[in-house]
């Protein structure tokens, strides 16, 4: 078995108008290679968020434009893990994770109303980090947008992701 490699996450994509922060676990191989959140073509993230925002063309826009569209709509992106050892892209392979200080970061976003966790690993680590926040933000567990989470069809994922719509108004 190959030795796990130290992987580091991206900086946050947020601004002072961020109302909804979507948190993944740690970028996968394709994302790290491209320097872009959710770069793997089978990951449904851009389709899901595009549908929730009513922007079906979002996945086809250039990456920088997608990030700007999210910011315009009050949506920020980041990851719960700053760095970790991992072989491949699966969350189950994450070892020796260094977690973020999510509570301090969330407190720095004055308009933040909700935090959505993209997948079980993000939810578990993120909720642990925000345990002392005492309901400061609505925390929402979302089904993973990853194709590796194949037991839930895309349409069912979309139905669950629609819960974040109320934080976008």
N, C-alpha and C. Protein backbone atom coordinates (compact mmCIF):
# COMPACT_ATOMS: atom_id res chain seq x y z
N UNK A 1 0.85 -1.18 0.00
CA UNK A 1 0.00 0.00 0.00
C UNK A 1 0.89 1.24 0.00
N UNK A 2 0.55 2.26 -0.85
CA UNK A 2 1.36 3.48 -0.89
C UNK A 2 1.29 4.24 0.42
N UNK A 3 2.36 4.96 0.71
CA UNK A 3 2.41 5.76 1.92
C UNK A 3 1.50 6.98 1.77
N UNK A 4 0.71 7.30 2.81
CA UNK A 4 -0.14 8.50 2.73
C UNK A 4 0.69 9.76 2.53
N UNK A 5 0.16 10.69 1.78
CA UNK A 5 0.83 11.94 1.46
C UNK A 5 0.14 13.07 2.20
N UNK A 6 0.92 14.04 2.69
CA UNK A 6 0.33 15.19 3.37
C UNK A 6 -0.40 16.06 2.34
N UNK A 7 -1.68 16.30 2.58
CA UNK A 7 -2.51 17.12 1.70
C UNK A 7 -2.97 18.33 2.48
N UNK A 8 -2.95 19.49 1.85
CA UNK A 8 -3.41 20.73 2.49
C UNK A 8 -4.59 21.29 1.73
N UNK A 9 -5.54 21.85 2.48
CA UNK A 9 -6.76 22.40 1.89
C UNK A 9 -6.51 23.80 1.33
N UNK A 10 -7.53 24.33 0.68
CA UNK A 10 -7.47 25.65 0.06
C UNK A 10 -7.84 26.74 1.06
N UNK A 11 -7.52 27.98 0.72
CA UNK A 11 -8.01 29.09 1.54
C UNK A 11 -9.53 29.20 1.38
N UNK A 12 -10.19 29.87 2.30
CA UNK A 12 -11.64 30.00 2.19
C UNK A 12 -12.04 30.91 1.02
N UNK A 13 -13.21 30.66 0.49
CA UNK A 13 -13.82 31.53 -0.52
C UNK A 13 -15.04 32.16 0.15
N UNK A 14 -14.82 33.28 0.80
CA UNK A 14 -15.87 33.98 1.56
C UNK A 14 -15.66 35.48 1.44
N UNK A 15 -16.66 36.23 1.88
CA UNK A 15 -16.50 37.67 2.05
C UNK A 15 -17.44 38.13 3.16
N UNK A 16 -17.50 39.41 3.40
CA UNK A 16 -18.30 39.95 4.49
C UNK A 16 -19.80 39.73 4.35
N UNK A 17 -20.24 39.31 3.17
CA UNK A 17 -21.67 39.06 2.93
C UNK A 17 -22.04 37.59 3.03
N UNK A 18 -21.11 36.74 3.39
CA UNK A 18 -21.39 35.30 3.47
C UNK A 18 -22.45 35.03 4.54
N UNK A 19 -23.57 34.45 4.10
CA UNK A 19 -24.66 34.07 5.00
C UNK A 19 -24.70 32.56 5.23
N UNK A 20 -24.20 31.82 4.25
CA UNK A 20 -24.19 30.36 4.30
C UNK A 20 -22.78 29.90 3.98
N UNK A 21 -22.20 29.13 4.88
CA UNK A 21 -20.85 28.58 4.68
C UNK A 21 -20.99 27.08 4.44
N UNK A 22 -20.53 26.63 3.28
CA UNK A 22 -20.56 25.20 2.95
C UNK A 22 -19.16 24.63 3.17
N UNK A 23 -19.11 23.61 4.01
CA UNK A 23 -17.83 23.02 4.40
C UNK A 23 -17.70 21.59 3.92
N UNK A 24 -16.62 21.30 3.21
CA UNK A 24 -16.29 19.94 2.86
C UNK A 24 -15.29 19.40 3.88
N UNK A 25 -14.74 18.24 3.59
CA UNK A 25 -13.76 17.65 4.49
C UNK A 25 -12.35 18.11 4.10
N UNK A 26 -11.85 17.63 2.98
CA UNK A 26 -10.52 17.94 2.46
C UNK A 26 -10.58 17.70 0.95
N UNK A 27 -10.05 18.61 0.13
CA UNK A 27 -10.13 18.41 -1.31
C UNK A 27 -9.51 17.09 -1.76
N UNK A 28 -10.13 16.48 -2.77
CA UNK A 28 -9.62 15.25 -3.36
C UNK A 28 -8.48 15.53 -4.34
N UNK A 29 -7.94 14.45 -4.89
CA UNK A 29 -6.78 14.54 -5.79
C UNK A 29 -7.01 15.49 -6.97
N UNK A 30 -8.15 15.34 -7.66
CA UNK A 30 -8.43 16.18 -8.82
C UNK A 30 -8.51 17.65 -8.42
N UNK A 31 -9.19 17.92 -7.31
CA UNK A 31 -9.33 19.30 -6.84
C UNK A 31 -7.97 19.89 -6.48
N UNK A 32 -7.15 19.12 -5.77
CA UNK A 32 -5.82 19.60 -5.40
C UNK A 32 -4.96 19.87 -6.63
N UNK A 33 -5.04 18.98 -7.62
CA UNK A 33 -4.25 19.16 -8.84
C UNK A 33 -4.70 20.40 -9.62
N UNK A 34 -6.02 20.63 -9.64
CA UNK A 34 -6.57 21.77 -10.38
C UNK A 34 -6.53 23.06 -9.57
N UNK A 35 -6.38 22.96 -8.25
CA UNK A 35 -6.44 24.14 -7.40
C UNK A 35 -7.85 24.71 -7.33
N UNK A 36 -8.85 23.83 -7.43
CA UNK A 36 -10.25 24.25 -7.46
C UNK A 36 -11.09 23.34 -6.57
N UNK A 37 -12.01 23.95 -5.83
CA UNK A 37 -12.97 23.17 -5.06
C UNK A 37 -13.82 22.33 -6.01
N UNK A 38 -14.03 21.08 -5.66
CA UNK A 38 -14.96 20.17 -6.35
C UNK A 38 -14.67 20.07 -7.85
N UNK A 39 -13.40 19.80 -8.19
CA UNK A 39 -12.98 19.76 -9.59
C UNK A 39 -13.25 18.42 -10.28
N UNK A 40 -13.48 17.36 -9.53
CA UNK A 40 -13.71 16.06 -10.17
C UNK A 40 -15.03 16.12 -10.94
N UNK A 41 -15.01 15.71 -12.21
CA UNK A 41 -16.22 15.83 -13.04
C UNK A 41 -17.41 15.01 -12.54
N UNK A 42 -17.18 13.98 -11.73
CA UNK A 42 -18.31 13.20 -11.23
C UNK A 42 -18.86 13.72 -9.91
N UNK A 43 -18.18 14.71 -9.32
CA UNK A 43 -18.69 15.30 -8.08
C UNK A 43 -19.86 16.20 -8.44
N UNK A 44 -20.98 16.05 -7.76
CA UNK A 44 -22.22 16.77 -8.09
C UNK A 44 -22.32 18.14 -7.42
N UNK A 45 -21.29 18.60 -6.72
CA UNK A 45 -21.40 19.85 -5.97
C UNK A 45 -21.90 21.01 -6.83
N UNK A 46 -21.23 21.28 -7.95
CA UNK A 46 -21.60 22.46 -8.75
C UNK A 46 -22.99 22.33 -9.34
N UNK A 47 -23.39 21.11 -9.67
CA UNK A 47 -24.76 20.89 -10.15
C UNK A 47 -25.75 21.14 -9.01
N UNK A 48 -25.47 20.56 -7.83
CA UNK A 48 -26.38 20.73 -6.69
C UNK A 48 -26.56 22.19 -6.32
N UNK A 49 -25.47 22.90 -6.11
CA UNK A 49 -25.58 24.29 -5.69
C UNK A 49 -26.17 25.15 -6.81
N UNK A 50 -25.87 24.81 -8.05
CA UNK A 50 -26.48 25.53 -9.18
C UNK A 50 -28.00 25.37 -9.19
N UNK A 51 -28.46 24.15 -8.96
CA UNK A 51 -29.91 23.90 -8.90
C UNK A 51 -30.55 24.63 -7.73
N UNK A 52 -29.91 24.58 -6.57
CA UNK A 52 -30.45 25.26 -5.38
C UNK A 52 -30.54 26.77 -5.62
N UNK A 53 -29.55 27.33 -6.29
CA UNK A 53 -29.53 28.76 -6.56
C UNK A 53 -30.39 29.15 -7.76
N UNK A 54 -30.91 28.17 -8.50
CA UNK A 54 -31.66 28.47 -9.71
C UNK A 54 -30.76 28.92 -10.85
N UNK A 55 -29.51 28.46 -10.81
CA UNK A 55 -28.50 28.81 -11.81
C UNK A 55 -27.99 27.52 -12.47
N UNK A 56 -28.80 26.95 -13.35
CA UNK A 56 -28.47 25.67 -13.96
C UNK A 56 -27.15 25.71 -14.75
N UNK A 57 -26.76 26.88 -15.23
CA UNK A 57 -25.52 27.00 -16.00
C UNK A 57 -24.27 27.11 -15.13
N UNK A 58 -24.42 27.18 -13.82
CA UNK A 58 -23.28 27.38 -12.93
C UNK A 58 -22.14 26.38 -13.18
N UNK A 59 -22.41 25.08 -13.33
CA UNK A 59 -21.30 24.14 -13.54
C UNK A 59 -20.48 24.40 -14.81
N UNK A 60 -21.06 25.09 -15.78
CA UNK A 60 -20.36 25.33 -17.05
C UNK A 60 -19.56 26.63 -17.06
N UNK A 61 -19.72 27.45 -16.03
CA UNK A 61 -18.99 28.72 -15.96
C UNK A 61 -17.53 28.45 -15.60
N UNK A 62 -16.62 29.37 -15.98
CA UNK A 62 -15.24 29.25 -15.52
C UNK A 62 -15.21 29.26 -13.99
N UNK A 63 -14.23 28.59 -13.41
CA UNK A 63 -14.16 28.41 -11.97
C UNK A 63 -14.24 29.74 -11.20
N UNK A 64 -13.45 30.72 -11.59
CA UNK A 64 -13.45 32.01 -10.88
C UNK A 64 -14.84 32.65 -10.91
N UNK A 65 -15.53 32.48 -12.00
CA UNK A 65 -16.89 33.04 -12.12
C UNK A 65 -17.87 32.29 -11.22
N UNK A 66 -17.68 30.97 -11.08
CA UNK A 66 -18.53 30.19 -10.17
C UNK A 66 -18.36 30.69 -8.74
N UNK A 67 -17.10 30.89 -8.33
CA UNK A 67 -16.85 31.37 -6.97
C UNK A 67 -17.47 32.75 -6.76
N UNK A 68 -17.36 33.62 -7.76
CA UNK A 68 -17.94 34.96 -7.64
C UNK A 68 -19.47 34.88 -7.55
N UNK A 69 -20.07 33.99 -8.32
CA UNK A 69 -21.53 33.83 -8.26
C UNK A 69 -21.96 33.37 -6.87
N UNK A 70 -21.21 32.45 -6.28
CA UNK A 70 -21.53 32.02 -4.92
C UNK A 70 -21.42 33.18 -3.95
N UNK A 71 -20.35 33.95 -4.04
CA UNK A 71 -20.18 35.10 -3.14
C UNK A 71 -21.32 36.10 -3.31
N UNK A 72 -21.69 36.36 -4.57
CA UNK A 72 -22.79 37.28 -4.84
C UNK A 72 -24.07 36.82 -4.17
N UNK A 73 -24.25 35.51 -4.08
CA UNK A 73 -25.45 34.93 -3.48
C UNK A 73 -25.30 34.66 -1.98
N UNK A 74 -24.18 35.07 -1.39
CA UNK A 74 -23.97 34.91 0.05
C UNK A 74 -23.49 33.55 0.48
N UNK A 75 -22.88 32.80 -0.45
CA UNK A 75 -22.41 31.44 -0.16
C UNK A 75 -20.89 31.42 -0.13
N UNK A 76 -20.34 30.85 0.94
CA UNK A 76 -18.90 30.68 1.06
C UNK A 76 -18.52 29.21 1.06
N UNK A 77 -17.27 28.92 0.72
CA UNK A 77 -16.75 27.55 0.70
C UNK A 77 -15.48 27.47 1.54
N UNK A 78 -15.34 26.33 2.20
CA UNK A 78 -14.10 26.04 2.92
C UNK A 78 -14.12 24.57 3.28
N UNK A 79 -13.13 24.12 4.04
CA UNK A 79 -13.06 22.74 4.49
C UNK A 79 -12.82 22.69 5.99
N UNK A 80 -13.28 21.62 6.63
CA UNK A 80 -13.11 21.48 8.09
C UNK A 80 -11.70 21.03 8.45
N UNK A 81 -11.00 20.42 7.51
CA UNK A 81 -9.65 19.93 7.75
C UNK A 81 -8.65 20.84 7.04
N UNK A 82 -7.65 21.30 7.76
CA UNK A 82 -6.62 22.15 7.17
C UNK A 82 -5.60 21.32 6.40
N UNK A 83 -5.20 20.19 7.01
CA UNK A 83 -4.25 19.29 6.34
C UNK A 83 -4.36 17.93 7.00
N UNK A 84 -3.96 16.92 6.22
CA UNK A 84 -4.03 15.55 6.71
C UNK A 84 -3.19 14.65 5.82
N UNK A 85 -2.85 13.49 6.34
CA UNK A 85 -2.22 12.44 5.54
C UNK A 85 -3.33 11.68 4.84
N UNK A 86 -3.16 11.42 3.55
CA UNK A 86 -4.18 10.65 2.83
C UNK A 86 -3.59 10.09 1.54
N UNK A 87 -3.91 8.85 1.27
CA UNK A 87 -3.61 8.25 -0.02
C UNK A 87 -4.92 8.26 -0.80
N UNK A 88 -4.91 8.85 -1.98
CA UNK A 88 -6.14 8.93 -2.77
C UNK A 88 -7.04 10.05 -2.30
N UNK A 89 -8.33 9.90 -2.59
CA UNK A 89 -9.29 10.97 -2.34
C UNK A 89 -10.38 10.65 -1.32
N UNK A 90 -10.47 9.41 -0.90
CA UNK A 90 -11.58 9.03 -0.03
C UNK A 90 -11.39 9.56 1.39
N UNK A 91 -12.48 10.02 1.97
CA UNK A 91 -12.44 10.51 3.36
C UNK A 91 -12.02 9.41 4.33
N UNK A 92 -12.35 8.17 4.01
CA UNK A 92 -12.01 7.06 4.90
C UNK A 92 -10.49 6.87 5.00
N UNK A 93 -9.73 7.44 4.06
CA UNK A 93 -8.27 7.31 4.07
C UNK A 93 -7.58 8.46 4.80
N UNK A 94 -8.34 9.42 5.32
CA UNK A 94 -7.75 10.56 6.02
C UNK A 94 -7.15 10.10 7.35
N UNK A 95 -5.90 10.49 7.59
CA UNK A 95 -5.19 10.17 8.82
C UNK A 95 -4.50 11.43 9.34
N UNK A 96 -4.32 11.51 10.63
CA UNK A 96 -3.57 12.61 11.26
C UNK A 96 -4.07 13.98 10.81
N UNK A 97 -5.37 14.18 10.88
CA UNK A 97 -5.97 15.43 10.43
C UNK A 97 -5.70 16.58 11.39
N UNK A 98 -5.39 17.73 10.83
CA UNK A 98 -5.31 18.98 11.57
C UNK A 98 -6.58 19.75 11.25
N UNK A 99 -7.42 19.96 12.26
CA UNK A 99 -8.70 20.62 12.04
C UNK A 99 -8.55 22.14 12.08
N UNK A 100 -9.51 22.82 11.47
CA UNK A 100 -9.57 24.28 11.49
C UNK A 100 -10.09 24.77 12.84
N UNK A 101 -9.96 26.07 13.06
CA UNK A 101 -10.65 26.71 14.18
C UNK A 101 -11.93 27.31 13.58
N UNK A 102 -12.91 26.45 13.37
CA UNK A 102 -14.13 26.87 12.69
C UNK A 102 -14.92 27.90 13.48
N UNK A 103 -14.95 27.77 14.79
CA UNK A 103 -15.74 28.72 15.58
C UNK A 103 -15.20 30.14 15.41
N UNK A 104 -13.91 30.32 15.54
CA UNK A 104 -13.31 31.65 15.37
C UNK A 104 -13.54 32.16 13.95
N UNK A 105 -13.41 31.28 12.97
CA UNK A 105 -13.62 31.68 11.58
C UNK A 105 -15.07 32.10 11.36
N UNK A 106 -16.00 31.30 11.83
CA UNK A 106 -17.43 31.62 11.66
C UNK A 106 -17.77 32.94 12.35
N UNK A 107 -17.17 33.19 13.50
CA UNK A 107 -17.42 34.45 14.21
C UNK A 107 -16.90 35.65 13.43
N UNK A 108 -15.96 35.44 12.54
CA UNK A 108 -15.41 36.54 11.74
C UNK A 108 -16.31 36.91 10.56
N UNK A 109 -17.36 36.14 10.33
CA UNK A 109 -18.30 36.40 9.22
C UNK A 109 -19.57 37.01 9.80
N UNK A 110 -19.72 38.34 9.76
CA UNK A 110 -20.79 39.03 10.47
C UNK A 110 -22.21 38.67 10.05
N UNK A 111 -22.42 38.23 8.82
CA UNK A 111 -23.78 37.93 8.34
C UNK A 111 -24.08 36.44 8.32
N UNK A 112 -23.16 35.61 8.79
CA UNK A 112 -23.32 34.16 8.73
C UNK A 112 -24.54 33.71 9.54
N UNK A 113 -25.41 32.93 8.88
CA UNK A 113 -26.62 32.41 9.51
C UNK A 113 -26.62 30.89 9.62
N UNK A 114 -25.92 30.24 8.67
CA UNK A 114 -25.96 28.77 8.65
C UNK A 114 -24.66 28.21 8.11
N UNK A 115 -24.37 26.99 8.56
CA UNK A 115 -23.20 26.25 8.10
C UNK A 115 -23.68 24.89 7.63
N UNK A 116 -23.39 24.58 6.38
CA UNK A 116 -23.76 23.29 5.81
C UNK A 116 -22.53 22.41 5.67
N UNK A 117 -22.68 21.16 6.07
CA UNK A 117 -21.57 20.20 5.98
C UNK A 117 -21.81 19.26 4.82
N UNK A 118 -20.89 19.26 3.86
CA UNK A 118 -21.00 18.42 2.67
C UNK A 118 -20.44 17.04 2.98
N UNK A 119 -21.30 16.16 3.50
CA UNK A 119 -20.91 14.79 3.77
C UNK A 119 -20.67 14.52 5.25
N UNK A 120 -20.64 13.24 5.58
CA UNK A 120 -20.53 12.79 6.96
C UNK A 120 -19.24 13.14 7.64
N UNK A 121 -18.12 13.06 6.94
CA UNK A 121 -16.84 13.40 7.56
C UNK A 121 -16.80 14.87 7.93
N UNK A 122 -17.26 15.73 7.03
CA UNK A 122 -17.29 17.16 7.30
C UNK A 122 -18.22 17.46 8.48
N UNK A 123 -19.37 16.79 8.51
CA UNK A 123 -20.35 17.02 9.59
C UNK A 123 -19.78 16.60 10.94
N UNK A 124 -19.18 15.43 10.99
CA UNK A 124 -18.65 14.92 12.25
C UNK A 124 -17.55 15.84 12.80
N UNK A 125 -16.58 16.18 11.95
CA UNK A 125 -15.47 17.04 12.39
C UNK A 125 -15.94 18.46 12.64
N UNK A 126 -16.81 18.97 11.78
CA UNK A 126 -17.29 20.34 11.92
C UNK A 126 -18.15 20.54 13.16
N UNK A 127 -19.06 19.62 13.41
CA UNK A 127 -19.91 19.73 14.60
C UNK A 127 -19.07 19.65 15.87
N UNK A 128 -18.04 18.82 15.86
CA UNK A 128 -17.15 18.71 17.02
C UNK A 128 -16.45 20.06 17.26
N UNK A 129 -16.03 20.70 16.18
CA UNK A 129 -15.34 21.98 16.31
C UNK A 129 -16.26 23.11 16.76
N UNK A 130 -17.55 22.99 16.45
CA UNK A 130 -18.51 24.05 16.78
C UNK A 130 -19.35 23.72 18.01
N UNK A 131 -18.95 22.71 18.76
CA UNK A 131 -19.74 22.24 19.90
C UNK A 131 -19.97 23.34 20.94
N UNK A 132 -19.07 24.27 21.08
CA UNK A 132 -19.22 25.33 22.07
C UNK A 132 -19.95 26.55 21.56
N UNK A 133 -20.42 26.53 20.33
CA UNK A 133 -21.05 27.71 19.73
C UNK A 133 -22.48 27.95 20.22
N UNK A 134 -23.06 26.97 20.89
CA UNK A 134 -24.39 27.12 21.50
C UNK A 134 -25.45 27.73 20.57
N UNK A 135 -25.62 27.15 19.42
CA UNK A 135 -26.69 27.57 18.52
C UNK A 135 -26.48 28.90 17.83
N UNK A 136 -25.25 29.38 17.76
CA UNK A 136 -24.98 30.66 17.09
C UNK A 136 -25.36 30.62 15.62
N UNK A 137 -25.24 29.45 15.01
CA UNK A 137 -25.57 29.27 13.60
C UNK A 137 -26.39 27.99 13.44
N UNK A 138 -27.20 27.95 12.41
CA UNK A 138 -27.92 26.72 12.07
C UNK A 138 -26.93 25.79 11.39
N UNK A 139 -26.82 24.57 11.89
CA UNK A 139 -25.90 23.58 11.33
C UNK A 139 -26.72 22.57 10.55
N UNK A 140 -26.31 22.32 9.31
CA UNK A 140 -27.07 21.48 8.41
C UNK A 140 -26.18 20.38 7.84
N UNK A 141 -26.54 19.14 8.09
CA UNK A 141 -25.82 18.00 7.51
C UNK A 141 -26.40 17.71 6.14
N UNK A 142 -25.56 17.76 5.12
CA UNK A 142 -25.98 17.51 3.74
C UNK A 142 -25.36 16.21 3.25
N UNK A 143 -26.08 15.49 2.39
CA UNK A 143 -25.46 14.29 1.82
C UNK A 143 -24.28 14.69 0.94
N UNK A 144 -23.25 13.89 0.97
CA UNK A 144 -22.04 14.18 0.21
C UNK A 144 -22.33 14.33 -1.27
N UNK A 145 -21.72 15.34 -1.87
CA UNK A 145 -21.84 15.54 -3.31
C UNK A 145 -20.93 14.61 -4.09
N UNK A 146 -20.07 13.89 -3.41
CA UNK A 146 -19.11 12.99 -4.05
C UNK A 146 -19.80 11.82 -4.73
N UNK A 147 -19.27 11.42 -5.87
CA UNK A 147 -19.78 10.23 -6.56
C UNK A 147 -19.49 8.97 -5.75
N UNK A 148 -18.52 9.05 -4.82
CA UNK A 148 -18.22 7.90 -3.97
C UNK A 148 -19.41 7.58 -3.06
N UNK A 149 -20.26 8.57 -2.81
CA UNK A 149 -21.50 8.33 -2.05
C UNK A 149 -22.61 8.04 -3.06
N UNK A 150 -22.56 6.83 -3.59
CA UNK A 150 -23.44 6.44 -4.68
C UNK A 150 -24.75 5.81 -4.22
N UNK A 151 -24.89 5.57 -2.92
CA UNK A 151 -26.11 4.92 -2.45
C UNK A 151 -27.32 5.86 -2.47
N UNK A 152 -27.09 7.15 -2.66
CA UNK A 152 -28.19 8.11 -2.76
C UNK A 152 -28.18 8.72 -4.16
N UNK A 153 -29.29 8.61 -4.89
CA UNK A 153 -29.34 9.20 -6.23
C UNK A 153 -29.22 10.73 -6.18
N UNK A 154 -28.77 11.31 -7.28
CA UNK A 154 -28.57 12.76 -7.36
C UNK A 154 -29.84 13.54 -7.02
N UNK A 155 -30.99 13.08 -7.50
CA UNK A 155 -32.24 13.81 -7.23
C UNK A 155 -32.57 13.80 -5.74
N UNK A 156 -32.27 12.71 -5.05
CA UNK A 156 -32.50 12.65 -3.61
C UNK A 156 -31.52 13.57 -2.88
N UNK A 157 -30.28 13.62 -3.38
CA UNK A 157 -29.31 14.56 -2.80
C UNK A 157 -29.83 15.99 -2.96
N UNK A 158 -30.32 16.30 -4.15
CA UNK A 158 -30.83 17.65 -4.41
C UNK A 158 -31.98 17.99 -3.47
N UNK A 159 -32.88 17.07 -3.25
CA UNK A 159 -34.00 17.33 -2.34
C UNK A 159 -33.48 17.69 -0.95
N UNK A 160 -32.46 16.99 -0.48
CA UNK A 160 -31.87 17.29 0.83
C UNK A 160 -31.14 18.63 0.81
N UNK A 161 -30.42 18.91 -0.27
CA UNK A 161 -29.68 20.17 -0.37
C UNK A 161 -30.60 21.38 -0.44
N UNK A 162 -31.83 21.19 -0.84
CA UNK A 162 -32.78 22.32 -0.92
C UNK A 162 -33.05 22.94 0.45
N UNK A 163 -32.68 22.24 1.52
CA UNK A 163 -32.85 22.80 2.86
C UNK A 163 -32.07 24.10 3.04
N UNK A 164 -31.00 24.28 2.27
CA UNK A 164 -30.19 25.49 2.44
C UNK A 164 -30.81 26.71 1.74
N UNK A 165 -31.82 26.52 0.93
CA UNK A 165 -32.42 27.62 0.19
C UNK A 165 -32.88 28.77 1.10
N UNK A 166 -33.42 28.43 2.25
CA UNK A 166 -33.96 29.48 3.13
C UNK A 166 -32.89 30.40 3.69
N UNK A 167 -31.64 30.02 3.61
CA UNK A 167 -30.55 30.87 4.11
C UNK A 167 -29.97 31.75 3.02
N UNK A 168 -30.52 31.66 1.84
CA UNK A 168 -30.01 32.41 0.71
C UNK A 168 -30.84 33.65 0.40
N UNK A 169 -32.00 33.79 1.04
CA UNK A 169 -32.89 34.92 0.76
C UNK A 169 -32.41 36.19 1.45
